[in-house]
């Protein structure tokens, strides 16, 4: 049954809209810390820290529901886990190719539509069918209509225009400050300290605690 089958989450699939839906609530969760995935490019150290700390915090928050595996690769982690998993549609072509290989190996079963985008892969293919060209503006307007976002009763856009990009391109006022409060800085804790000194290939300066890694901190 779906509720019994583990759900494998990538490091960019940690929000409650992935693991806390009616379909997935209570399912066992698998998180894999893949050394190859984290080291195969010279990512910025702050990005690496954010992803790793967010994964470890989610494991703490969900407790016994989570199995956390550290492995050289995702495939190794799945084999060590020893159970077939479901996974949501990943967000990159490389990750898609990986999931397809793992499914061919029998390690992955169902690939679920992603809740991380307004439209999943199948829905986008349906939207794109028969089009001779692709513009972000066309997709944007169609999704506004689909969800009823900022529309007048007659179906037109609120404010009389679909976008106001030209206004967004204007420079800030000529002042020393913008009159907005300083951003909230999350407090570093043991999870952050446990992620320190991990990266040998990362670019940029470390920034533990600079970025929100949990839903409560994001809401601050």
C-alpha atoms as a PDB file:
ATOM      1  CA  UNK A   1       0.000   0.000   0.000  1.00  0.00           C
ATOM      2  CA  UNK A   2       1.097   3.568  -0.692  1.00  0.00           C
ATOM      3  CA  UNK A   3       1.133   4.526   2.997  1.00  0.00           C
ATOM      4  CA  UNK A   4       3.557   1.696   3.760  1.00  0.00           C
ATOM      5  CA  UNK A   5       5.962   2.313   0.897  1.00  0.00           C
ATOM      6  CA  UNK A   6       8.855   4.635   1.789  1.00  0.00           C
ATOM      7  CA  UNK A   7       9.081   8.020   0.107  1.00  0.00           C
ATOM      8  CA  UNK A   8      12.561   9.132  -0.925  1.00  0.00           C
ATOM      9  CA  UNK A   9      13.067  12.902  -0.817  1.00  0.00           C
ATOM     10  CA  UNK A  10      15.829  14.802  -2.586  1.00  0.00           C
ATOM     11  CA  UNK A  11      17.484  17.720  -0.812  1.00  0.00           C
ATOM     12  CA  UNK A  12      15.265  20.218  -2.651  1.00  0.00           C
ATOM     13  CA  UNK A  13      12.052  18.379  -1.674  1.00  0.00           C
ATOM     14  CA  UNK A  14      11.990  18.980   2.072  1.00  0.00           C
ATOM     15  CA  UNK A  15       8.866  21.124   2.451  1.00  0.00           C
ATOM     16  CA  UNK A  16       5.663  19.888   4.019  1.00  0.00           C
ATOM     17  CA  UNK A  17       3.958  20.008   0.620  1.00  0.00           C
ATOM     18  CA  UNK A  18       6.116  16.981  -0.248  1.00  0.00           C
ATOM     19  CA  UNK A  19       5.920  14.837   2.894  1.00  0.00           C
ATOM     20  CA  UNK A  20       2.912  16.226   4.758  1.00  0.00           C
ATOM     21  CA  UNK A  21       0.087  15.841   2.222  1.00  0.00           C
ATOM     22  CA  UNK A  22      -2.878  13.554   2.815  1.00  0.00           C
ATOM     23  CA  UNK A  23      -1.313  10.953   0.524  1.00  0.00           C
ATOM     24  CA  UNK A  24       2.122  11.104   2.139  1.00  0.00           C
ATOM     25  CA  UNK A  25       1.366  11.968   5.749  1.00  0.00           C
ATOM     26  CA  UNK A  26       2.739   9.195   7.924  1.00  0.00           C
ATOM     27  CA  UNK A  27       4.709   7.469   5.174  1.00  0.00           C
ATOM     28  CA  UNK A  28       8.253   6.387   6.023  1.00  0.00           C
ATOM     29  CA  UNK A  29      10.734   8.926   4.658  1.00  0.00           C
ATOM     30  CA  UNK A  30      14.172   8.188   3.236  1.00  0.00           C
ATOM     31  CA  UNK A  31      16.837  10.899   3.056  1.00  0.00           C
ATOM     32  CA  UNK A  32      20.155  10.102   1.396  1.00  0.00           C
ATOM     33  CA  UNK A  33      23.221  12.256   1.909  1.00  0.00           C
ATOM     34  CA  UNK A  34      25.105  11.416  -1.294  1.00  0.00           C
ATOM     35  CA  UNK A  35      28.769  12.392  -1.285  1.00  0.00           C
ATOM     36  CA  UNK A  36      28.884  12.349  -5.085  1.00  0.00           C
ATOM     37  CA  UNK A  37      25.851  14.620  -5.428  1.00  0.00           C
ATOM     38  CA  UNK A  38      27.226  17.125  -2.922  1.00  0.00           C
ATOM     39  CA  UNK A  39      30.763  17.186  -4.305  1.00  0.00           C
ATOM     40  CA  UNK A  40      30.491  16.685  -8.064  1.00  0.00           C
ATOM     41  CA  UNK A  41      30.406  20.462  -8.700  1.00  0.00           C
ATOM     42  CA  UNK A  42      32.111  23.363  -6.885  1.00  0.00           C
ATOM     43  CA  UNK A  43      28.854  24.601  -5.346  1.00  0.00           C
ATOM     44  CA  UNK A  44      28.871  27.663  -3.135  1.00  0.00           C
ATOM     45  CA  UNK A  45      29.638  26.650   0.437  1.00  0.00           C
ATOM     46  CA  UNK A  46      26.555  28.438   1.741  1.00  0.00           C
ATOM     47  CA  UNK A  47      24.323  26.449  -0.628  1.00  0.00           C
ATOM     48  CA  UNK A  48      25.919  23.187   0.438  1.00  0.00           C
ATOM     49  CA  UNK A  49      25.507  24.116   4.084  1.00  0.00           C
ATOM     50  CA  UNK A  50      21.848  25.062   3.583  1.00  0.00           C
ATOM     51  CA  UNK A  51      20.926  21.803   1.828  1.00  0.00           C
ATOM     52  CA  UNK A  52      22.801  19.583   4.260  1.00  0.00           C
ATOM     53  CA  UNK A  53      21.566  21.378   7.387  1.00  0.00           C
ATOM     54  CA  UNK A  54      17.972  21.411   6.088  1.00  0.00           C
ATOM     55  CA  UNK A  55      18.075  17.654   5.454  1.00  0.00           C
ATOM     56  CA  UNK A  56      19.439  16.944   8.915  1.00  0.00           C
ATOM     57  CA  UNK A  57      16.911  19.253  10.580  1.00  0.00           C
ATOM     58  CA  UNK A  58      14.030  17.566   8.774  1.00  0.00           C
ATOM     59  CA  UNK A  59      15.308  14.207   9.996  1.00  0.00           C
ATOM     60  CA  UNK A  60      15.281  15.589  13.554  1.00  0.00           C
ATOM     61  CA  UNK A  61      11.806  17.082  13.161  1.00  0.00           C
ATOM     62  CA  UNK A  62      10.191  13.927  11.740  1.00  0.00           C
ATOM     63  CA  UNK A  63      11.984  11.617  14.157  1.00  0.00           C
ATOM     64  CA  UNK A  64      11.487   7.878  13.760  1.00  0.00           C
ATOM     65  CA  UNK A  65       9.609   8.404  10.524  1.00  0.00           C
ATOM     66  CA  UNK A  66      12.928   9.186   8.769  1.00  0.00           C
ATOM     67  CA  UNK A  67      15.755   6.877   7.791  1.00  0.00           C
ATOM     68  CA  UNK A  68      18.861   8.975   7.123  1.00  0.00           C
ATOM     69  CA  UNK A  69      21.567   7.293   5.054  1.00  0.00           C
ATOM     70  CA  UNK A  70      25.041   8.656   4.335  1.00  0.00           C
ATOM     71  CA  UNK A  71      26.492   7.000   1.233  1.00  0.00           C
ATOM     72  CA  UNK A  72      28.893   7.560  -1.641  1.00  0.00           C
ATOM     73  CA  UNK A  73      26.007   7.658  -4.158  1.00  0.00           C
ATOM     74  CA  UNK A  74      22.218   7.653  -4.188  1.00  0.00           C
ATOM     75  CA  UNK A  75      22.233   4.155  -5.647  1.00  0.00           C
ATOM     76  CA  UNK A  76      24.405   2.859  -2.827  1.00  0.00           C
ATOM     77  CA  UNK A  77      22.138   4.519  -0.296  1.00  0.00           C
ATOM     78  CA  UNK A  78      19.029   2.906  -1.783  1.00  0.00           C
ATOM     79  CA  UNK A  79      20.646  -0.517  -1.875  1.00  0.00           C
ATOM     80  CA  UNK A  80      21.691  -0.195   1.758  1.00  0.00           C
ATOM     81  CA  UNK A  81      18.185   0.926   2.692  1.00  0.00           C
ATOM     82  CA  UNK A  82      16.897  -2.309   1.200  1.00  0.00           C
ATOM     83  CA  UNK A  83      13.324  -1.317   0.317  1.00  0.00           C
ATOM     84  CA  UNK A  84      11.745  -0.126  -2.922  1.00  0.00           C
ATOM     85  CA  UNK A  85      10.760   3.554  -2.707  1.00  0.00           C
ATOM     86  CA  UNK A  86       8.551   6.094  -4.413  1.00  0.00           C
ATOM     87  CA  UNK A  87       9.936   9.504  -5.327  1.00  0.00           C
ATOM     88  CA  UNK A  88       8.532  12.784  -6.610  1.00  0.00           C
ATOM     89  CA  UNK A  89       9.496  14.071 -10.039  1.00  0.00           C
ATOM     90  CA  UNK A  90      12.957  15.600  -9.599  1.00  0.00           C
ATOM     91  CA  UNK A  91      13.743  19.150 -10.624  1.00  0.00           C
ATOM     92  CA  UNK A  92      16.611  18.630 -13.073  1.00  0.00           C
ATOM     93  CA  UNK A  93      17.337  16.597 -16.195  1.00  0.00           C
ATOM     94  CA  UNK A  94      20.308  14.926 -14.507  1.00  0.00           C
ATOM     95  CA  UNK A  95      18.186  13.857 -11.544  1.00  0.00           C
ATOM     96  CA  UNK A  96      15.483  12.589 -13.899  1.00  0.00           C
ATOM     97  CA  UNK A  97      18.035  10.431 -15.713  1.00  0.00           C
ATOM     98  CA  UNK A  98      19.238   9.116 -12.348  1.00  0.00           C
ATOM     99  CA  UNK A  99      15.715   8.229 -11.221  1.00  0.00           C
ATOM    100  CA  UNK A 100      15.031   6.407 -14.483  1.00  0.00           C
ATOM    101  CA  UNK A 101      18.214   4.344 -14.062  1.00  0.00           C
ATOM    102  CA  UNK A 102      17.310   3.512 -10.478  1.00  0.00           C
ATOM    103  CA  UNK A 103      13.812   2.530 -11.561  1.00  0.00           C
ATOM    104  CA  UNK A 104      15.309   0.207 -14.187  1.00  0.00           C
ATOM    105  CA  UNK A 105      17.353  -1.372 -11.375  1.00  0.00           C
ATOM    106  CA  UNK A 106      14.184  -1.965  -9.367  1.00  0.00           C
ATOM    107  CA  UNK A 107      15.162   0.426  -6.567  1.00  0.00           C
ATOM    108  CA  UNK A 108      12.482   3.022  -7.393  1.00  0.00           C
ATOM    109  CA  UNK A 109       8.839   2.196  -8.073  1.00  0.00           C
ATOM    110  CA  UNK A 110       6.435   5.077  -8.658  1.00  0.00           C
ATOM    111  CA  UNK A 111       7.487   8.581  -9.721  1.00  0.00           C
ATOM    112  CA  UNK A 112       4.874  10.918  -8.256  1.00  0.00           C
ATOM    113  CA  UNK A 113       3.847  14.289  -9.740  1.00  0.00           C
ATOM    114  CA  UNK A 114       5.847  17.055  -8.139  1.00  0.00           C
ATOM    115  CA  UNK A 115       4.107  19.470  -5.767  1.00  0.00           C
ATOM    116  CA  UNK A 116       7.117  21.765  -6.092  1.00  0.00           C
ATOM    117  CA  UNK A 117       5.916  23.330  -9.346  1.00  0.00           C
ATOM    118  CA  UNK A 118       2.555  24.652 -10.493  1.00  0.00           C
ATOM    119  CA  UNK A 119       2.545  22.041 -13.252  1.00  0.00           C
ATOM    120  CA  UNK A 120       4.159  18.616 -13.310  1.00  0.00           C
ATOM    121  CA  UNK A 121       5.974  17.076 -16.256  1.00  0.00           C
ATOM    122  CA  UNK A 122       2.881  15.463 -17.791  1.00  0.00           C
ATOM    123  CA  UNK A 123       0.827  18.626 -17.358  1.00  0.00           C
ATOM    124  CA  UNK A 124       3.495  20.744 -18.996  1.00  0.00           C
ATOM    125  CA  UNK A 125       3.722  18.323 -21.928  1.00  0.00           C
ATOM    126  CA  UNK A 126      -0.032  18.669 -22.398  1.00  0.00           C
ATOM    127  CA  UNK A 127       0.208  22.473 -22.237  1.00  0.00           C
ATOM    128  CA  UNK A 128       3.081  22.501 -24.752  1.00  0.00           C
ATOM    129  CA  UNK A 129       1.454  20.152 -27.259  1.00  0.00           C
ATOM    130  CA  UNK A 130       0.852  21.788 -30.628  1.00  0.00           C
ATOM    131  CA  UNK A 131       2.665  25.024 -29.814  1.00  0.00           C
ATOM    132  CA  UNK A 132       5.143  26.344 -32.352  1.00  0.00           C
ATOM    133  CA  UNK A 133       6.957  28.504 -29.811  1.00  0.00           C
ATOM    134  CA  UNK A 134       7.372  28.866 -26.084  1.00  0.00           C
ATOM    135  CA  UNK A 135       7.271  32.092 -24.100  1.00  0.00           C
ATOM    136  CA  UNK A 136       7.299  32.360 -20.340  1.00  0.00           C
ATOM    137  CA  UNK A 137       4.659  35.080 -20.588  1.00  0.00           C
ATOM    138  CA  UNK A 138       2.167  32.714 -22.256  1.00  0.00           C
ATOM    139  CA  UNK A 139       2.709  30.049 -19.599  1.00  0.00           C
ATOM    140  CA  UNK A 140       2.467  32.628 -16.818  1.00  0.00           C
ATOM    141  CA  UNK A 141      -0.874  33.946 -18.041  1.00  0.00           C
ATOM    142  CA  UNK A 142      -2.333  30.479 -18.494  1.00  0.00           C
ATOM    143  CA  UNK A 143      -1.363  29.503 -14.935  1.00  0.00           C
ATOM    144  CA  UNK A 144      -2.880  32.721 -13.595  1.00  0.00           C
ATOM    145  CA  UNK A 145      -6.126  31.762 -15.316  1.00  0.00           C
ATOM    146  CA  UNK A 146      -5.863  28.154 -14.141  1.00  0.00           C
ATOM    147  CA  UNK A 147      -5.516  29.118 -10.477  1.00  0.00           C
ATOM    148  CA  UNK A 148      -7.603  32.292 -10.606  1.00  0.00           C
ATOM    149  CA  UNK A 149      -4.737  34.455  -9.351  1.00  0.00           C
ATOM    150  CA  UNK A 150      -5.173  38.246  -9.509  1.00  0.00           C
ATOM    151  CA  UNK A 151      -8.051  38.118 -11.985  1.00  0.00           C
ATOM    152  CA  UNK A 152     -11.047  40.390 -12.340  1.00  0.00           C
ATOM    153  CA  UNK A 153     -14.546  38.834 -12.538  1.00  0.00           C
ATOM    154  CA  UNK A 154     -14.398  39.124 -16.338  1.00  0.00           C
ATOM    155  CA  UNK A 155     -11.170  37.106 -16.434  1.00  0.00           C
ATOM    156  CA  UNK A 156      -8.901  40.059 -17.109  1.00  0.00           C
ATOM    157  CA  UNK A 157      -5.840  40.850 -14.987  1.00  0.00           C
ATOM    158  CA  UNK A 158      -6.188  42.913 -11.833  1.00  0.00           C
ATOM    159  CA  UNK A 159      -4.763  46.388 -12.427  1.00  0.00           C
ATOM    160  CA  UNK A 160      -5.295  46.230 -16.176  1.00  0.00           C
ATOM    161  CA  UNK A 161      -1.993  44.543 -17.058  1.00  0.00           C
ATOM    162  CA  UNK A 162      -0.564  41.031 -16.945  1.00  0.00           C
ATOM    163  CA  UNK A 163       2.820  42.205 -15.741  1.00  0.00           C
ATOM    164  CA  UNK A 164       4.561  45.382 -14.703  1.00  0.00           C
ATOM    165  CA  UNK A 165       8.126  44.395 -15.487  1.00  0.00           C
ATOM    166  CA  UNK A 166       9.087  47.845 -16.722  1.00  0.00           C
ATOM    167  CA  UNK A 167       8.310  49.244 -13.276  1.00  0.00           C
ATOM    168  CA  UNK A 168      10.276  46.452 -11.608  1.00  0.00           C
ATOM    169  CA  UNK A 169      13.343  47.462 -13.624  1.00  0.00           C
ATOM    170  CA  UNK A 170      13.386  50.956 -12.174  1.00  0.00           C
ATOM    171  CA  UNK A 171      16.272  51.696  -9.834  1.00  0.00           C
ATOM    172  CA  UNK A 172      15.861  52.123  -6.071  1.00  0.00           C
ATOM    173  CA  UNK A 173      15.314  55.612  -4.676  1.00  0.00           C
ATOM    174  CA  UNK A 174      18.404  57.761  -4.225  1.00  0.00           C
ATOM    175  CA  UNK A 175      18.700  57.259  -0.482  1.00  0.00           C
ATOM    176  CA  UNK A 176      21.235  55.706   1.851  1.00  0.00           C
ATOM    177  CA  UNK A 177      18.702  53.074   3.007  1.00  0.00           C
ATOM    178  CA  UNK A 178      15.479  51.599   1.652  1.00  0.00           C
ATOM    179  CA  UNK A 179      13.628  51.977   4.942  1.00  0.00           C
ATOM    180  CA  UNK A 180      13.106  48.247   5.457  1.00  0.00           C
ATOM    181  CA  UNK A 181      14.143  46.194   8.494  1.00  0.00           C
ATOM    182  CA  UNK A 182      17.291  44.105   8.392  1.00  0.00           C
ATOM    183  CA  UNK A 183      16.694  40.472   7.411  1.00  0.00           C
ATOM    184  CA  UNK A 184      16.201  37.929  10.149  1.00  0.00           C
ATOM    185  CA  UNK A 185      19.334  35.892  10.821  1.00  0.00           C
ATOM    186  CA  UNK A 186      18.654  32.319  11.991  1.00  0.00           C
ATOM    187  CA  UNK A 187      20.616  31.257  15.039  1.00  0.00           C
ATOM    188  CA  UNK A 188      23.349  28.702  14.510  1.00  0.00           C
ATOM    189  CA  UNK A 189      22.890  25.463  16.422  1.00  0.00           C
ATOM    190  CA  UNK A 190      24.457  22.021  16.742  1.00  0.00           C
ATOM    191  CA  UNK A 191      23.198  20.968  13.308  1.00  0.00           C
ATOM    192  CA  UNK A 192      24.987  23.919  11.696  1.00  0.00           C
ATOM    193  CA  UNK A 193      28.166  23.218  13.606  1.00  0.00           C
ATOM    194  CA  UNK A 194      28.000  19.580  12.531  1.00  0.00           C
ATOM    195  CA  UNK A 195      28.027  20.656   8.882  1.00  0.00           C
ATOM    196  CA  UNK A 196      31.159  22.783   9.222  1.00  0.00           C
ATOM    197  CA  UNK A 197      34.446  21.834   7.627  1.00  0.00           C
ATOM    198  CA  UNK A 198      32.819  19.327   5.268  1.00  0.00           C
ATOM    199  CA  UNK A 199      33.490  20.948   1.908  1.00  0.00           C
ATOM    200  CA  UNK A 200      36.812  20.875   0.103  1.00  0.00           C
ATOM    201  CA  UNK A 201      35.656  21.936  -3.373  1.00  0.00           C
ATOM    202  CA  UNK A 202      33.048  24.535  -2.546  1.00  0.00           C
ATOM    203  CA  UNK A 203      33.339  28.134  -3.709  1.00  0.00           C
ATOM    204  CA  UNK A 204      32.720  31.283  -1.697  1.00  0.00           C
ATOM    205  CA  UNK A 205      32.758  32.015   2.006  1.00  0.00           C
ATOM    206  CA  UNK A 206      30.983  29.792   4.539  1.00  0.00           C
ATOM    207  CA  UNK A 207      27.807  31.255   5.989  1.00  0.00           C
ATOM    208  CA  UNK A 208      26.350  28.999   8.658  1.00  0.00           C
ATOM    209  CA  UNK A 209      22.928  30.200   9.771  1.00  0.00           C
ATOM    210  CA  UNK A 210      22.547  32.806   7.026  1.00  0.00           C
ATOM    211  CA  UNK A 211      19.708  30.983   5.286  1.00  0.00           C
ATOM    212  CA  UNK A 212      16.443  29.613   6.635  1.00  0.00           C
ATOM    213  CA  UNK A 213      16.369  25.815   6.531  1.00  0.00           C
ATOM    214  CA  UNK A 214      13.023  25.021   8.185  1.00  0.00           C
ATOM    215  CA  UNK A 215       9.444  26.180   7.646  1.00  0.00           C
ATOM    216  CA  UNK A 216       9.169  28.000  11.022  1.00  0.00           C
ATOM    217  CA  UNK A 217      12.370  29.959  10.371  1.00  0.00           C
ATOM    218  CA  UNK A 218      11.221  30.808   6.830  1.00  0.00           C
ATOM    219  CA  UNK A 219       8.098  32.391   8.289  1.00  0.00           C
ATOM    220  CA  UNK A 220      10.084  34.802  10.492  1.00  0.00           C
END
